[in-house]
Amino acid sequence: MHAATDVTGFGLLGHLLEMVRASGIGAEVDASAVPVIDGVRDLLAAGMLAGGTQRNHAFVSDAVQWGSLALDDQYLLADAQTSGGLLLSVAAEQADALVAALVERNTLAAAVVGRTTAEHPGEIRVVNSAP
């Protein structure tokens, strides 16, 4: 699948879910690879959680296998208060070159955060590769 969308009010997982459902594929997201704005984790720990984020989380949860991901980290992936980032889907062999080109152009963040898969169509599996 080659696709792109701006990550707005539906959060990263809301937009990704729409992409995989429309394409008839599944996805795997590495929560530890997703860039997070400094201070956001502190706000979550203090109980600052937007209602839209809670609704996004409820909307995607039937199609997401969270694994052992903590609830605050789940909310980060469903956050309705996004920074205007883009979610791009490219062939695996092009991903590293794309990230390098984005970094070269001084984007605020660029990372490979997951992959698409023929397994579990219309669903997302979340993993956490951080130690």
N, C-alpha and C. Protein backbone atom coordinates (compact mmCIF):
# COMPACT_ATOMS: atom_id res chain seq x y z
N MET A 1 0.85 -1.17 0.00
CA MET A 1 0.00 0.00 0.00
C MET A 1 0.89 1.23 0.00
N HIS A 2 0.64 2.14 -0.89
CA HIS A 2 1.25 3.45 -0.89
C HIS A 2 0.15 4.44 -0.59
N ALA A 3 0.29 5.19 0.50
CA ALA A 3 -0.76 6.12 0.89
C ALA A 3 -0.17 7.18 1.80
N ALA A 4 -0.92 8.27 1.97
CA ALA A 4 -0.51 9.32 2.89
C ALA A 4 -1.75 9.99 3.44
N THR A 5 -1.67 10.40 4.68
CA THR A 5 -2.75 11.17 5.30
C THR A 5 -2.16 12.07 6.35
N ASP A 6 -2.81 13.20 6.58
CA ASP A 6 -2.39 14.05 7.69
C ASP A 6 -3.04 13.51 8.96
N VAL A 7 -2.27 13.45 10.02
CA VAL A 7 -2.76 12.93 11.29
C VAL A 7 -3.40 14.09 12.04
N THR A 8 -4.71 14.12 12.02
CA THR A 8 -5.46 15.21 12.64
C THR A 8 -6.26 14.66 13.81
N GLY A 9 -7.46 15.11 13.98
CA GLY A 9 -8.29 14.82 15.14
C GLY A 9 -8.59 13.36 15.42
N PHE A 10 -8.39 12.47 14.46
CA PHE A 10 -8.68 11.06 14.70
C PHE A 10 -7.46 10.31 15.24
N GLY A 11 -6.35 11.01 15.40
CA GLY A 11 -5.15 10.40 15.96
C GLY A 11 -4.47 9.46 14.99
N LEU A 12 -3.27 9.07 15.34
CA LEU A 12 -2.48 8.17 14.50
C LEU A 12 -3.23 6.88 14.20
N LEU A 13 -3.76 6.23 15.24
CA LEU A 13 -4.40 4.94 15.02
C LEU A 13 -5.74 5.08 14.30
N GLY A 14 -6.46 6.15 14.51
CA GLY A 14 -7.72 6.36 13.79
C GLY A 14 -7.49 6.47 12.29
N HIS A 15 -6.48 7.23 11.92
CA HIS A 15 -6.17 7.38 10.49
C HIS A 15 -5.59 6.10 9.92
N LEU A 16 -4.72 5.45 10.66
CA LEU A 16 -4.16 4.18 10.18
C LEU A 16 -5.26 3.13 10.02
N LEU A 17 -6.20 3.09 10.95
CA LEU A 17 -7.29 2.12 10.85
C LEU A 17 -8.09 2.34 9.57
N GLU A 18 -8.38 3.56 9.24
CA GLU A 18 -9.11 3.85 8.00
C GLU A 18 -8.31 3.40 6.79
N MET A 19 -7.00 3.60 6.82
CA MET A 19 -6.15 3.20 5.70
C MET A 19 -6.15 1.68 5.53
N VAL A 20 -5.99 0.93 6.62
CA VAL A 20 -5.91 -0.52 6.48
C VAL A 20 -7.26 -1.12 6.12
N ARG A 21 -8.32 -0.56 6.65
CA ARG A 21 -9.65 -1.06 6.29
C ARG A 21 -9.93 -0.84 4.81
N ALA A 22 -9.59 0.33 4.31
CA ALA A 22 -9.84 0.64 2.90
C ALA A 22 -8.98 -0.21 1.98
N SER A 23 -7.82 -0.65 2.47
CA SER A 23 -6.89 -1.41 1.66
C SER A 23 -7.01 -2.92 1.85
N GLY A 24 -7.77 -3.35 2.85
CA GLY A 24 -7.93 -4.78 3.10
C GLY A 24 -6.68 -5.45 3.65
N ILE A 25 -5.89 -4.69 4.41
CA ILE A 25 -4.67 -5.23 5.00
C ILE A 25 -4.68 -4.96 6.50
N GLY A 26 -3.67 -5.45 7.19
CA GLY A 26 -3.48 -5.18 8.61
C GLY A 26 -2.25 -4.32 8.80
N ALA A 27 -2.02 -3.92 10.05
CA ALA A 27 -0.83 -3.13 10.35
C ALA A 27 -0.29 -3.51 11.72
N GLU A 28 1.00 -3.28 11.88
CA GLU A 28 1.66 -3.43 13.16
C GLU A 28 2.38 -2.13 13.45
N VAL A 29 2.16 -1.58 14.64
CA VAL A 29 2.78 -0.32 15.04
C VAL A 29 3.69 -0.58 16.23
N ASP A 30 4.90 -0.04 16.16
CA ASP A 30 5.83 -0.12 17.29
C ASP A 30 5.66 1.17 18.10
N ALA A 31 4.97 1.07 19.22
CA ALA A 31 4.67 2.25 20.02
C ALA A 31 5.92 3.02 20.43
N SER A 32 7.01 2.30 20.68
CA SER A 32 8.24 2.97 21.11
C SER A 32 8.91 3.75 19.98
N ALA A 33 8.53 3.53 18.74
CA ALA A 33 9.12 4.23 17.61
C ALA A 33 8.36 5.51 17.23
N VAL A 34 7.18 5.71 17.80
CA VAL A 34 6.35 6.86 17.44
C VAL A 34 6.90 8.11 18.14
N PRO A 35 7.25 9.15 17.38
CA PRO A 35 7.75 10.39 18.00
C PRO A 35 6.66 11.02 18.88
N VAL A 36 7.09 11.51 20.05
CA VAL A 36 6.17 12.14 21.00
C VAL A 36 6.74 13.50 21.39
N ILE A 37 5.91 14.51 21.37
CA ILE A 37 6.33 15.87 21.73
C ILE A 37 6.74 15.89 23.21
N ASP A 38 7.86 16.55 23.49
CA ASP A 38 8.34 16.66 24.87
C ASP A 38 7.24 17.21 25.77
N GLY A 39 7.10 16.60 26.94
CA GLY A 39 6.15 17.07 27.93
C GLY A 39 4.78 16.41 27.88
N VAL A 40 4.47 15.74 26.78
CA VAL A 40 3.14 15.14 26.64
C VAL A 40 2.94 14.01 27.65
N ARG A 41 3.93 13.20 27.86
CA ARG A 41 3.80 12.12 28.85
C ARG A 41 3.55 12.67 30.25
N ASP A 42 4.19 13.78 30.57
CA ASP A 42 3.97 14.42 31.88
C ASP A 42 2.53 14.90 32.01
N LEU A 43 1.99 15.46 30.94
CA LEU A 43 0.59 15.91 30.97
C LEU A 43 -0.36 14.75 31.18
N LEU A 44 -0.11 13.63 30.48
CA LEU A 44 -0.96 12.46 30.68
C LEU A 44 -0.88 11.94 32.11
N ALA A 45 0.33 11.91 32.64
CA ALA A 45 0.52 11.43 34.02
C ALA A 45 -0.21 12.33 35.02
N ALA A 46 -0.38 13.60 34.67
CA ALA A 46 -1.09 14.55 35.53
C ALA A 46 -2.60 14.51 35.31
N GLY A 47 -3.05 13.62 34.43
CA GLY A 47 -4.49 13.47 34.21
C GLY A 47 -5.07 14.36 33.13
N MET A 48 -4.22 15.01 32.36
CA MET A 48 -4.69 15.88 31.28
C MET A 48 -4.97 15.02 30.04
N LEU A 49 -6.25 14.79 29.77
CA LEU A 49 -6.62 13.91 28.68
C LEU A 49 -7.84 14.51 27.97
N ALA A 50 -7.69 14.79 26.71
CA ALA A 50 -8.78 15.39 25.93
C ALA A 50 -9.92 14.39 25.73
N GLY A 51 -11.13 14.90 25.73
CA GLY A 51 -12.29 14.05 25.47
C GLY A 51 -12.23 13.39 24.11
N GLY A 52 -11.72 14.12 23.11
CA GLY A 52 -11.59 13.55 21.77
C GLY A 52 -10.64 12.36 21.74
N THR A 53 -9.60 12.42 22.56
CA THR A 53 -8.66 11.31 22.64
C THR A 53 -9.33 10.08 23.22
N GLN A 54 -10.14 10.28 24.25
CA GLN A 54 -10.87 9.17 24.86
C GLN A 54 -11.85 8.55 23.85
N ARG A 55 -12.53 9.40 23.07
CA ARG A 55 -13.46 8.89 22.05
C ARG A 55 -12.70 8.15 20.93
N ASN A 56 -11.55 8.68 20.53
CA ASN A 56 -10.73 8.00 19.52
C ASN A 56 -10.30 6.62 20.03
N HIS A 57 -9.86 6.56 21.26
CA HIS A 57 -9.41 5.31 21.86
C HIS A 57 -10.55 4.30 21.84
N ALA A 58 -11.74 4.73 22.24
CA ALA A 58 -12.90 3.83 22.23
C ALA A 58 -13.23 3.38 20.81
N PHE A 59 -13.11 4.27 19.84
CA PHE A 59 -13.44 3.96 18.45
C PHE A 59 -12.50 2.90 17.88
N VAL A 60 -11.20 3.01 18.14
CA VAL A 60 -10.24 2.09 17.53
C VAL A 60 -10.06 0.80 18.32
N SER A 61 -10.42 0.78 19.59
CA SER A 61 -10.06 -0.34 20.46
C SER A 61 -10.59 -1.69 20.00
N ASP A 62 -11.73 -1.74 19.35
CA ASP A 62 -12.24 -3.02 18.86
C ASP A 62 -11.36 -3.61 17.76
N ALA A 63 -10.59 -2.76 17.08
CA ALA A 63 -9.76 -3.22 15.97
C ALA A 63 -8.27 -3.22 16.30
N VAL A 64 -7.93 -2.90 17.55
CA VAL A 64 -6.52 -2.81 17.94
C VAL A 64 -6.22 -3.85 19.00
N GLN A 65 -5.15 -4.58 18.78
CA GLN A 65 -4.63 -5.49 19.79
C GLN A 65 -3.49 -4.74 20.48
N TRP A 66 -3.74 -4.32 21.71
CA TRP A 66 -2.82 -3.45 22.43
C TRP A 66 -1.63 -4.18 23.04
N GLY A 67 -1.71 -5.50 23.16
CA GLY A 67 -0.65 -6.23 23.86
C GLY A 67 -0.57 -5.75 25.29
N SER A 68 0.63 -5.51 25.78
CA SER A 68 0.82 -5.07 27.17
C SER A 68 1.02 -3.56 27.28
N LEU A 69 0.66 -2.82 26.24
CA LEU A 69 0.89 -1.38 26.23
C LEU A 69 0.07 -0.68 27.32
N ALA A 70 0.73 0.15 28.11
CA ALA A 70 0.07 0.89 29.18
C ALA A 70 -1.00 1.81 28.60
N LEU A 71 -2.01 2.09 29.41
CA LEU A 71 -3.14 2.90 28.95
C LEU A 71 -2.70 4.29 28.48
N ASP A 72 -1.80 4.96 29.21
CA ASP A 72 -1.35 6.28 28.76
C ASP A 72 -0.68 6.21 27.39
N ASP A 73 0.07 5.15 27.13
CA ASP A 73 0.69 4.99 25.82
C ASP A 73 -0.35 4.70 24.74
N GLN A 74 -1.41 4.00 25.10
CA GLN A 74 -2.52 3.79 24.17
C GLN A 74 -3.14 5.13 23.80
N TYR A 75 -3.34 5.98 24.81
CA TYR A 75 -3.91 7.30 24.56
C TYR A 75 -3.02 8.13 23.64
N LEU A 76 -1.70 8.01 23.79
CA LEU A 76 -0.80 8.75 22.90
C LEU A 76 -1.04 8.38 21.43
N LEU A 77 -1.26 7.11 21.17
CA LEU A 77 -1.47 6.66 19.79
C LEU A 77 -2.84 7.04 19.25
N ALA A 78 -3.76 7.39 20.14
CA ALA A 78 -5.11 7.80 19.72
C ALA A 78 -5.34 9.29 19.94
N ASP A 79 -4.29 10.04 20.26
CA ASP A 79 -4.43 11.44 20.65
C ASP A 79 -5.10 12.29 19.58
N ALA A 80 -6.13 13.00 20.00
CA ALA A 80 -6.85 13.88 19.08
C ALA A 80 -6.14 15.22 18.89
N GLN A 81 -5.20 15.52 19.76
CA GLN A 81 -4.49 16.80 19.71
C GLN A 81 -3.16 16.61 19.02
N THR A 82 -3.19 16.51 17.73
CA THR A 82 -1.97 16.19 16.99
C THR A 82 -1.23 17.44 16.57
N SER A 83 -0.02 17.25 16.13
CA SER A 83 0.84 18.36 15.74
C SER A 83 0.87 18.57 14.23
N GLY A 84 -0.04 17.94 13.51
CA GLY A 84 -0.07 18.12 12.06
C GLY A 84 0.88 17.22 11.32
N GLY A 85 1.27 16.11 11.92
CA GLY A 85 2.18 15.19 11.26
C GLY A 85 1.52 14.46 10.11
N LEU A 86 2.34 13.76 9.35
CA LEU A 86 1.85 12.95 8.23
C LEU A 86 2.12 11.48 8.51
N LEU A 87 1.20 10.64 8.10
CA LEU A 87 1.38 9.19 8.13
C LEU A 87 1.55 8.76 6.68
N LEU A 88 2.73 8.22 6.37
CA LEU A 88 3.04 7.80 5.01
C LEU A 88 3.23 6.30 4.97
N SER A 89 2.71 5.66 3.96
CA SER A 89 2.92 4.24 3.75
C SER A 89 3.67 4.07 2.43
N VAL A 90 4.86 3.49 2.53
CA VAL A 90 5.69 3.26 1.35
C VAL A 90 6.21 1.83 1.39
N ALA A 91 6.74 1.37 0.28
CA ALA A 91 7.34 0.04 0.23
C ALA A 91 8.47 -0.04 1.25
N ALA A 92 8.60 -1.18 1.90
CA ALA A 92 9.61 -1.36 2.95
C ALA A 92 11.01 -0.98 2.48
N GLU A 93 11.34 -1.33 1.26
CA GLU A 93 12.68 -1.03 0.76
C GLU A 93 12.91 0.46 0.51
N GLN A 94 11.88 1.28 0.57
CA GLN A 94 12.01 2.73 0.38
C GLN A 94 11.96 3.50 1.70
N ALA A 95 11.61 2.83 2.79
CA ALA A 95 11.36 3.52 4.05
C ALA A 95 12.60 4.24 4.59
N ASP A 96 13.73 3.59 4.63
CA ASP A 96 14.94 4.22 5.19
C ASP A 96 15.36 5.42 4.37
N ALA A 97 15.27 5.32 3.05
CA ALA A 97 15.64 6.46 2.19
C ALA A 97 14.69 7.63 2.40
N LEU A 98 13.41 7.34 2.59
CA LEU A 98 12.44 8.41 2.84
C LEU A 98 12.75 9.10 4.17
N VAL A 99 13.00 8.33 5.22
CA VAL A 99 13.33 8.93 6.52
C VAL A 99 14.58 9.79 6.39
N ALA A 100 15.60 9.29 5.70
CA ALA A 100 16.83 10.05 5.52
C ALA A 100 16.57 11.36 4.78
N ALA A 101 15.75 11.31 3.75
CA ALA A 101 15.43 12.53 2.99
C ALA A 101 14.66 13.53 3.84
N LEU A 102 13.77 13.04 4.69
CA LEU A 102 13.01 13.94 5.57
C LEU A 102 13.92 14.58 6.61
N VAL A 103 14.83 13.79 7.17
CA VAL A 103 15.78 14.33 8.16
C VAL A 103 16.68 15.36 7.50
N GLU A 104 17.14 15.07 6.29
CA GLU A 104 17.99 16.00 5.55
C GLU A 104 17.30 17.34 5.33
N ARG A 105 15.99 17.31 5.22
CA ARG A 105 15.21 18.54 5.00
C ARG A 105 14.71 19.16 6.31
N ASN A 106 15.27 18.70 7.42
CA ASN A 106 15.02 19.27 8.73
C ASN A 106 13.56 19.17 9.20
N THR A 107 12.91 18.07 8.88
CA THR A 107 11.57 17.88 9.43
C THR A 107 11.69 17.72 10.94
N LEU A 108 10.62 18.01 11.64
CA LEU A 108 10.66 17.94 13.10
C LEU A 108 10.80 16.52 13.61
N ALA A 109 10.24 15.57 12.88
CA ALA A 109 10.35 14.16 13.27
C ALA A 109 10.15 13.31 12.02
N ALA A 110 10.89 12.22 11.95
CA ALA A 110 10.74 11.26 10.86
C ALA A 110 11.15 9.90 11.40
N ALA A 111 10.26 8.93 11.28
CA ALA A 111 10.56 7.62 11.84
C ALA A 111 9.72 6.55 11.16
N VAL A 112 10.27 5.36 11.08
CA VAL A 112 9.49 4.19 10.67
C VAL A 112 8.81 3.70 11.95
N VAL A 113 7.48 3.74 11.96
CA VAL A 113 6.75 3.40 13.18
C VAL A 113 6.01 2.07 13.08
N GLY A 114 6.08 1.42 11.94
CA GLY A 114 5.39 0.15 11.81
C GLY A 114 5.48 -0.41 10.41
N ARG A 115 4.58 -1.35 10.17
CA ARG A 115 4.56 -1.99 8.85
C ARG A 115 3.15 -2.49 8.58
N THR A 116 2.86 -2.67 7.31
CA THR A 116 1.59 -3.28 6.93
C THR A 116 1.80 -4.77 6.76
N THR A 117 0.72 -5.51 6.84
CA THR A 117 0.81 -6.97 6.76
C THR A 117 -0.46 -7.53 6.14
N ALA A 118 -0.32 -8.68 5.52
CA ALA A 118 -1.50 -9.36 4.97
C ALA A 118 -2.29 -10.04 6.08
N GLU A 119 -1.66 -10.22 7.23
CA GLU A 119 -2.33 -10.85 8.37
C GLU A 119 -3.31 -9.86 9.00
N HIS A 120 -4.30 -10.38 9.66
CA HIS A 120 -5.33 -9.62 10.40
C HIS A 120 -5.82 -8.38 9.65
N PRO A 121 -6.43 -8.56 8.46
CA PRO A 121 -6.90 -7.40 7.69
C PRO A 121 -7.90 -6.56 8.48
N GLY A 122 -7.75 -5.25 8.32
CA GLY A 122 -8.64 -4.31 8.99
C GLY A 122 -8.35 -4.14 10.47
N GLU A 123 -7.21 -4.66 10.94
CA GLU A 123 -6.86 -4.56 12.34
C GLU A 123 -5.42 -4.05 12.50
N ILE A 124 -5.15 -3.57 13.71
CA ILE A 124 -3.82 -3.07 14.04
C ILE A 124 -3.31 -3.79 15.28
N ARG A 125 -2.07 -4.23 15.22
CA ARG A 125 -1.41 -4.81 16.40
C ARG A 125 -0.35 -3.83 16.86
N VAL A 126 -0.35 -3.57 18.15
CA VAL A 126 0.63 -2.66 18.73
C VAL A 126 1.67 -3.46 19.49
N VAL A 127 2.92 -3.19 19.20
CA VAL A 127 4.03 -3.80 19.92
C VAL A 127 4.84 -2.67 20.56
N ASN A 128 5.74 -3.03 21.44
CA ASN A 128 6.59 -2.04 22.07
C ASN A 128 7.99 -2.64 22.14
N SER A 129 8.87 -2.20 21.27
CA SER A 129 10.21 -2.79 21.21
C SER A 129 11.17 -2.17 22.21
N ALA A 130 10.72 -1.17 22.96
CA ALA A 130 11.59 -0.56 23.96
C ALA A 130 11.84 -1.55 25.09
N PRO A 131 13.05 -1.50 25.64
CA PRO A 131 13.37 -2.42 26.75
C PRO A 131 12.54 -2.14 28.00
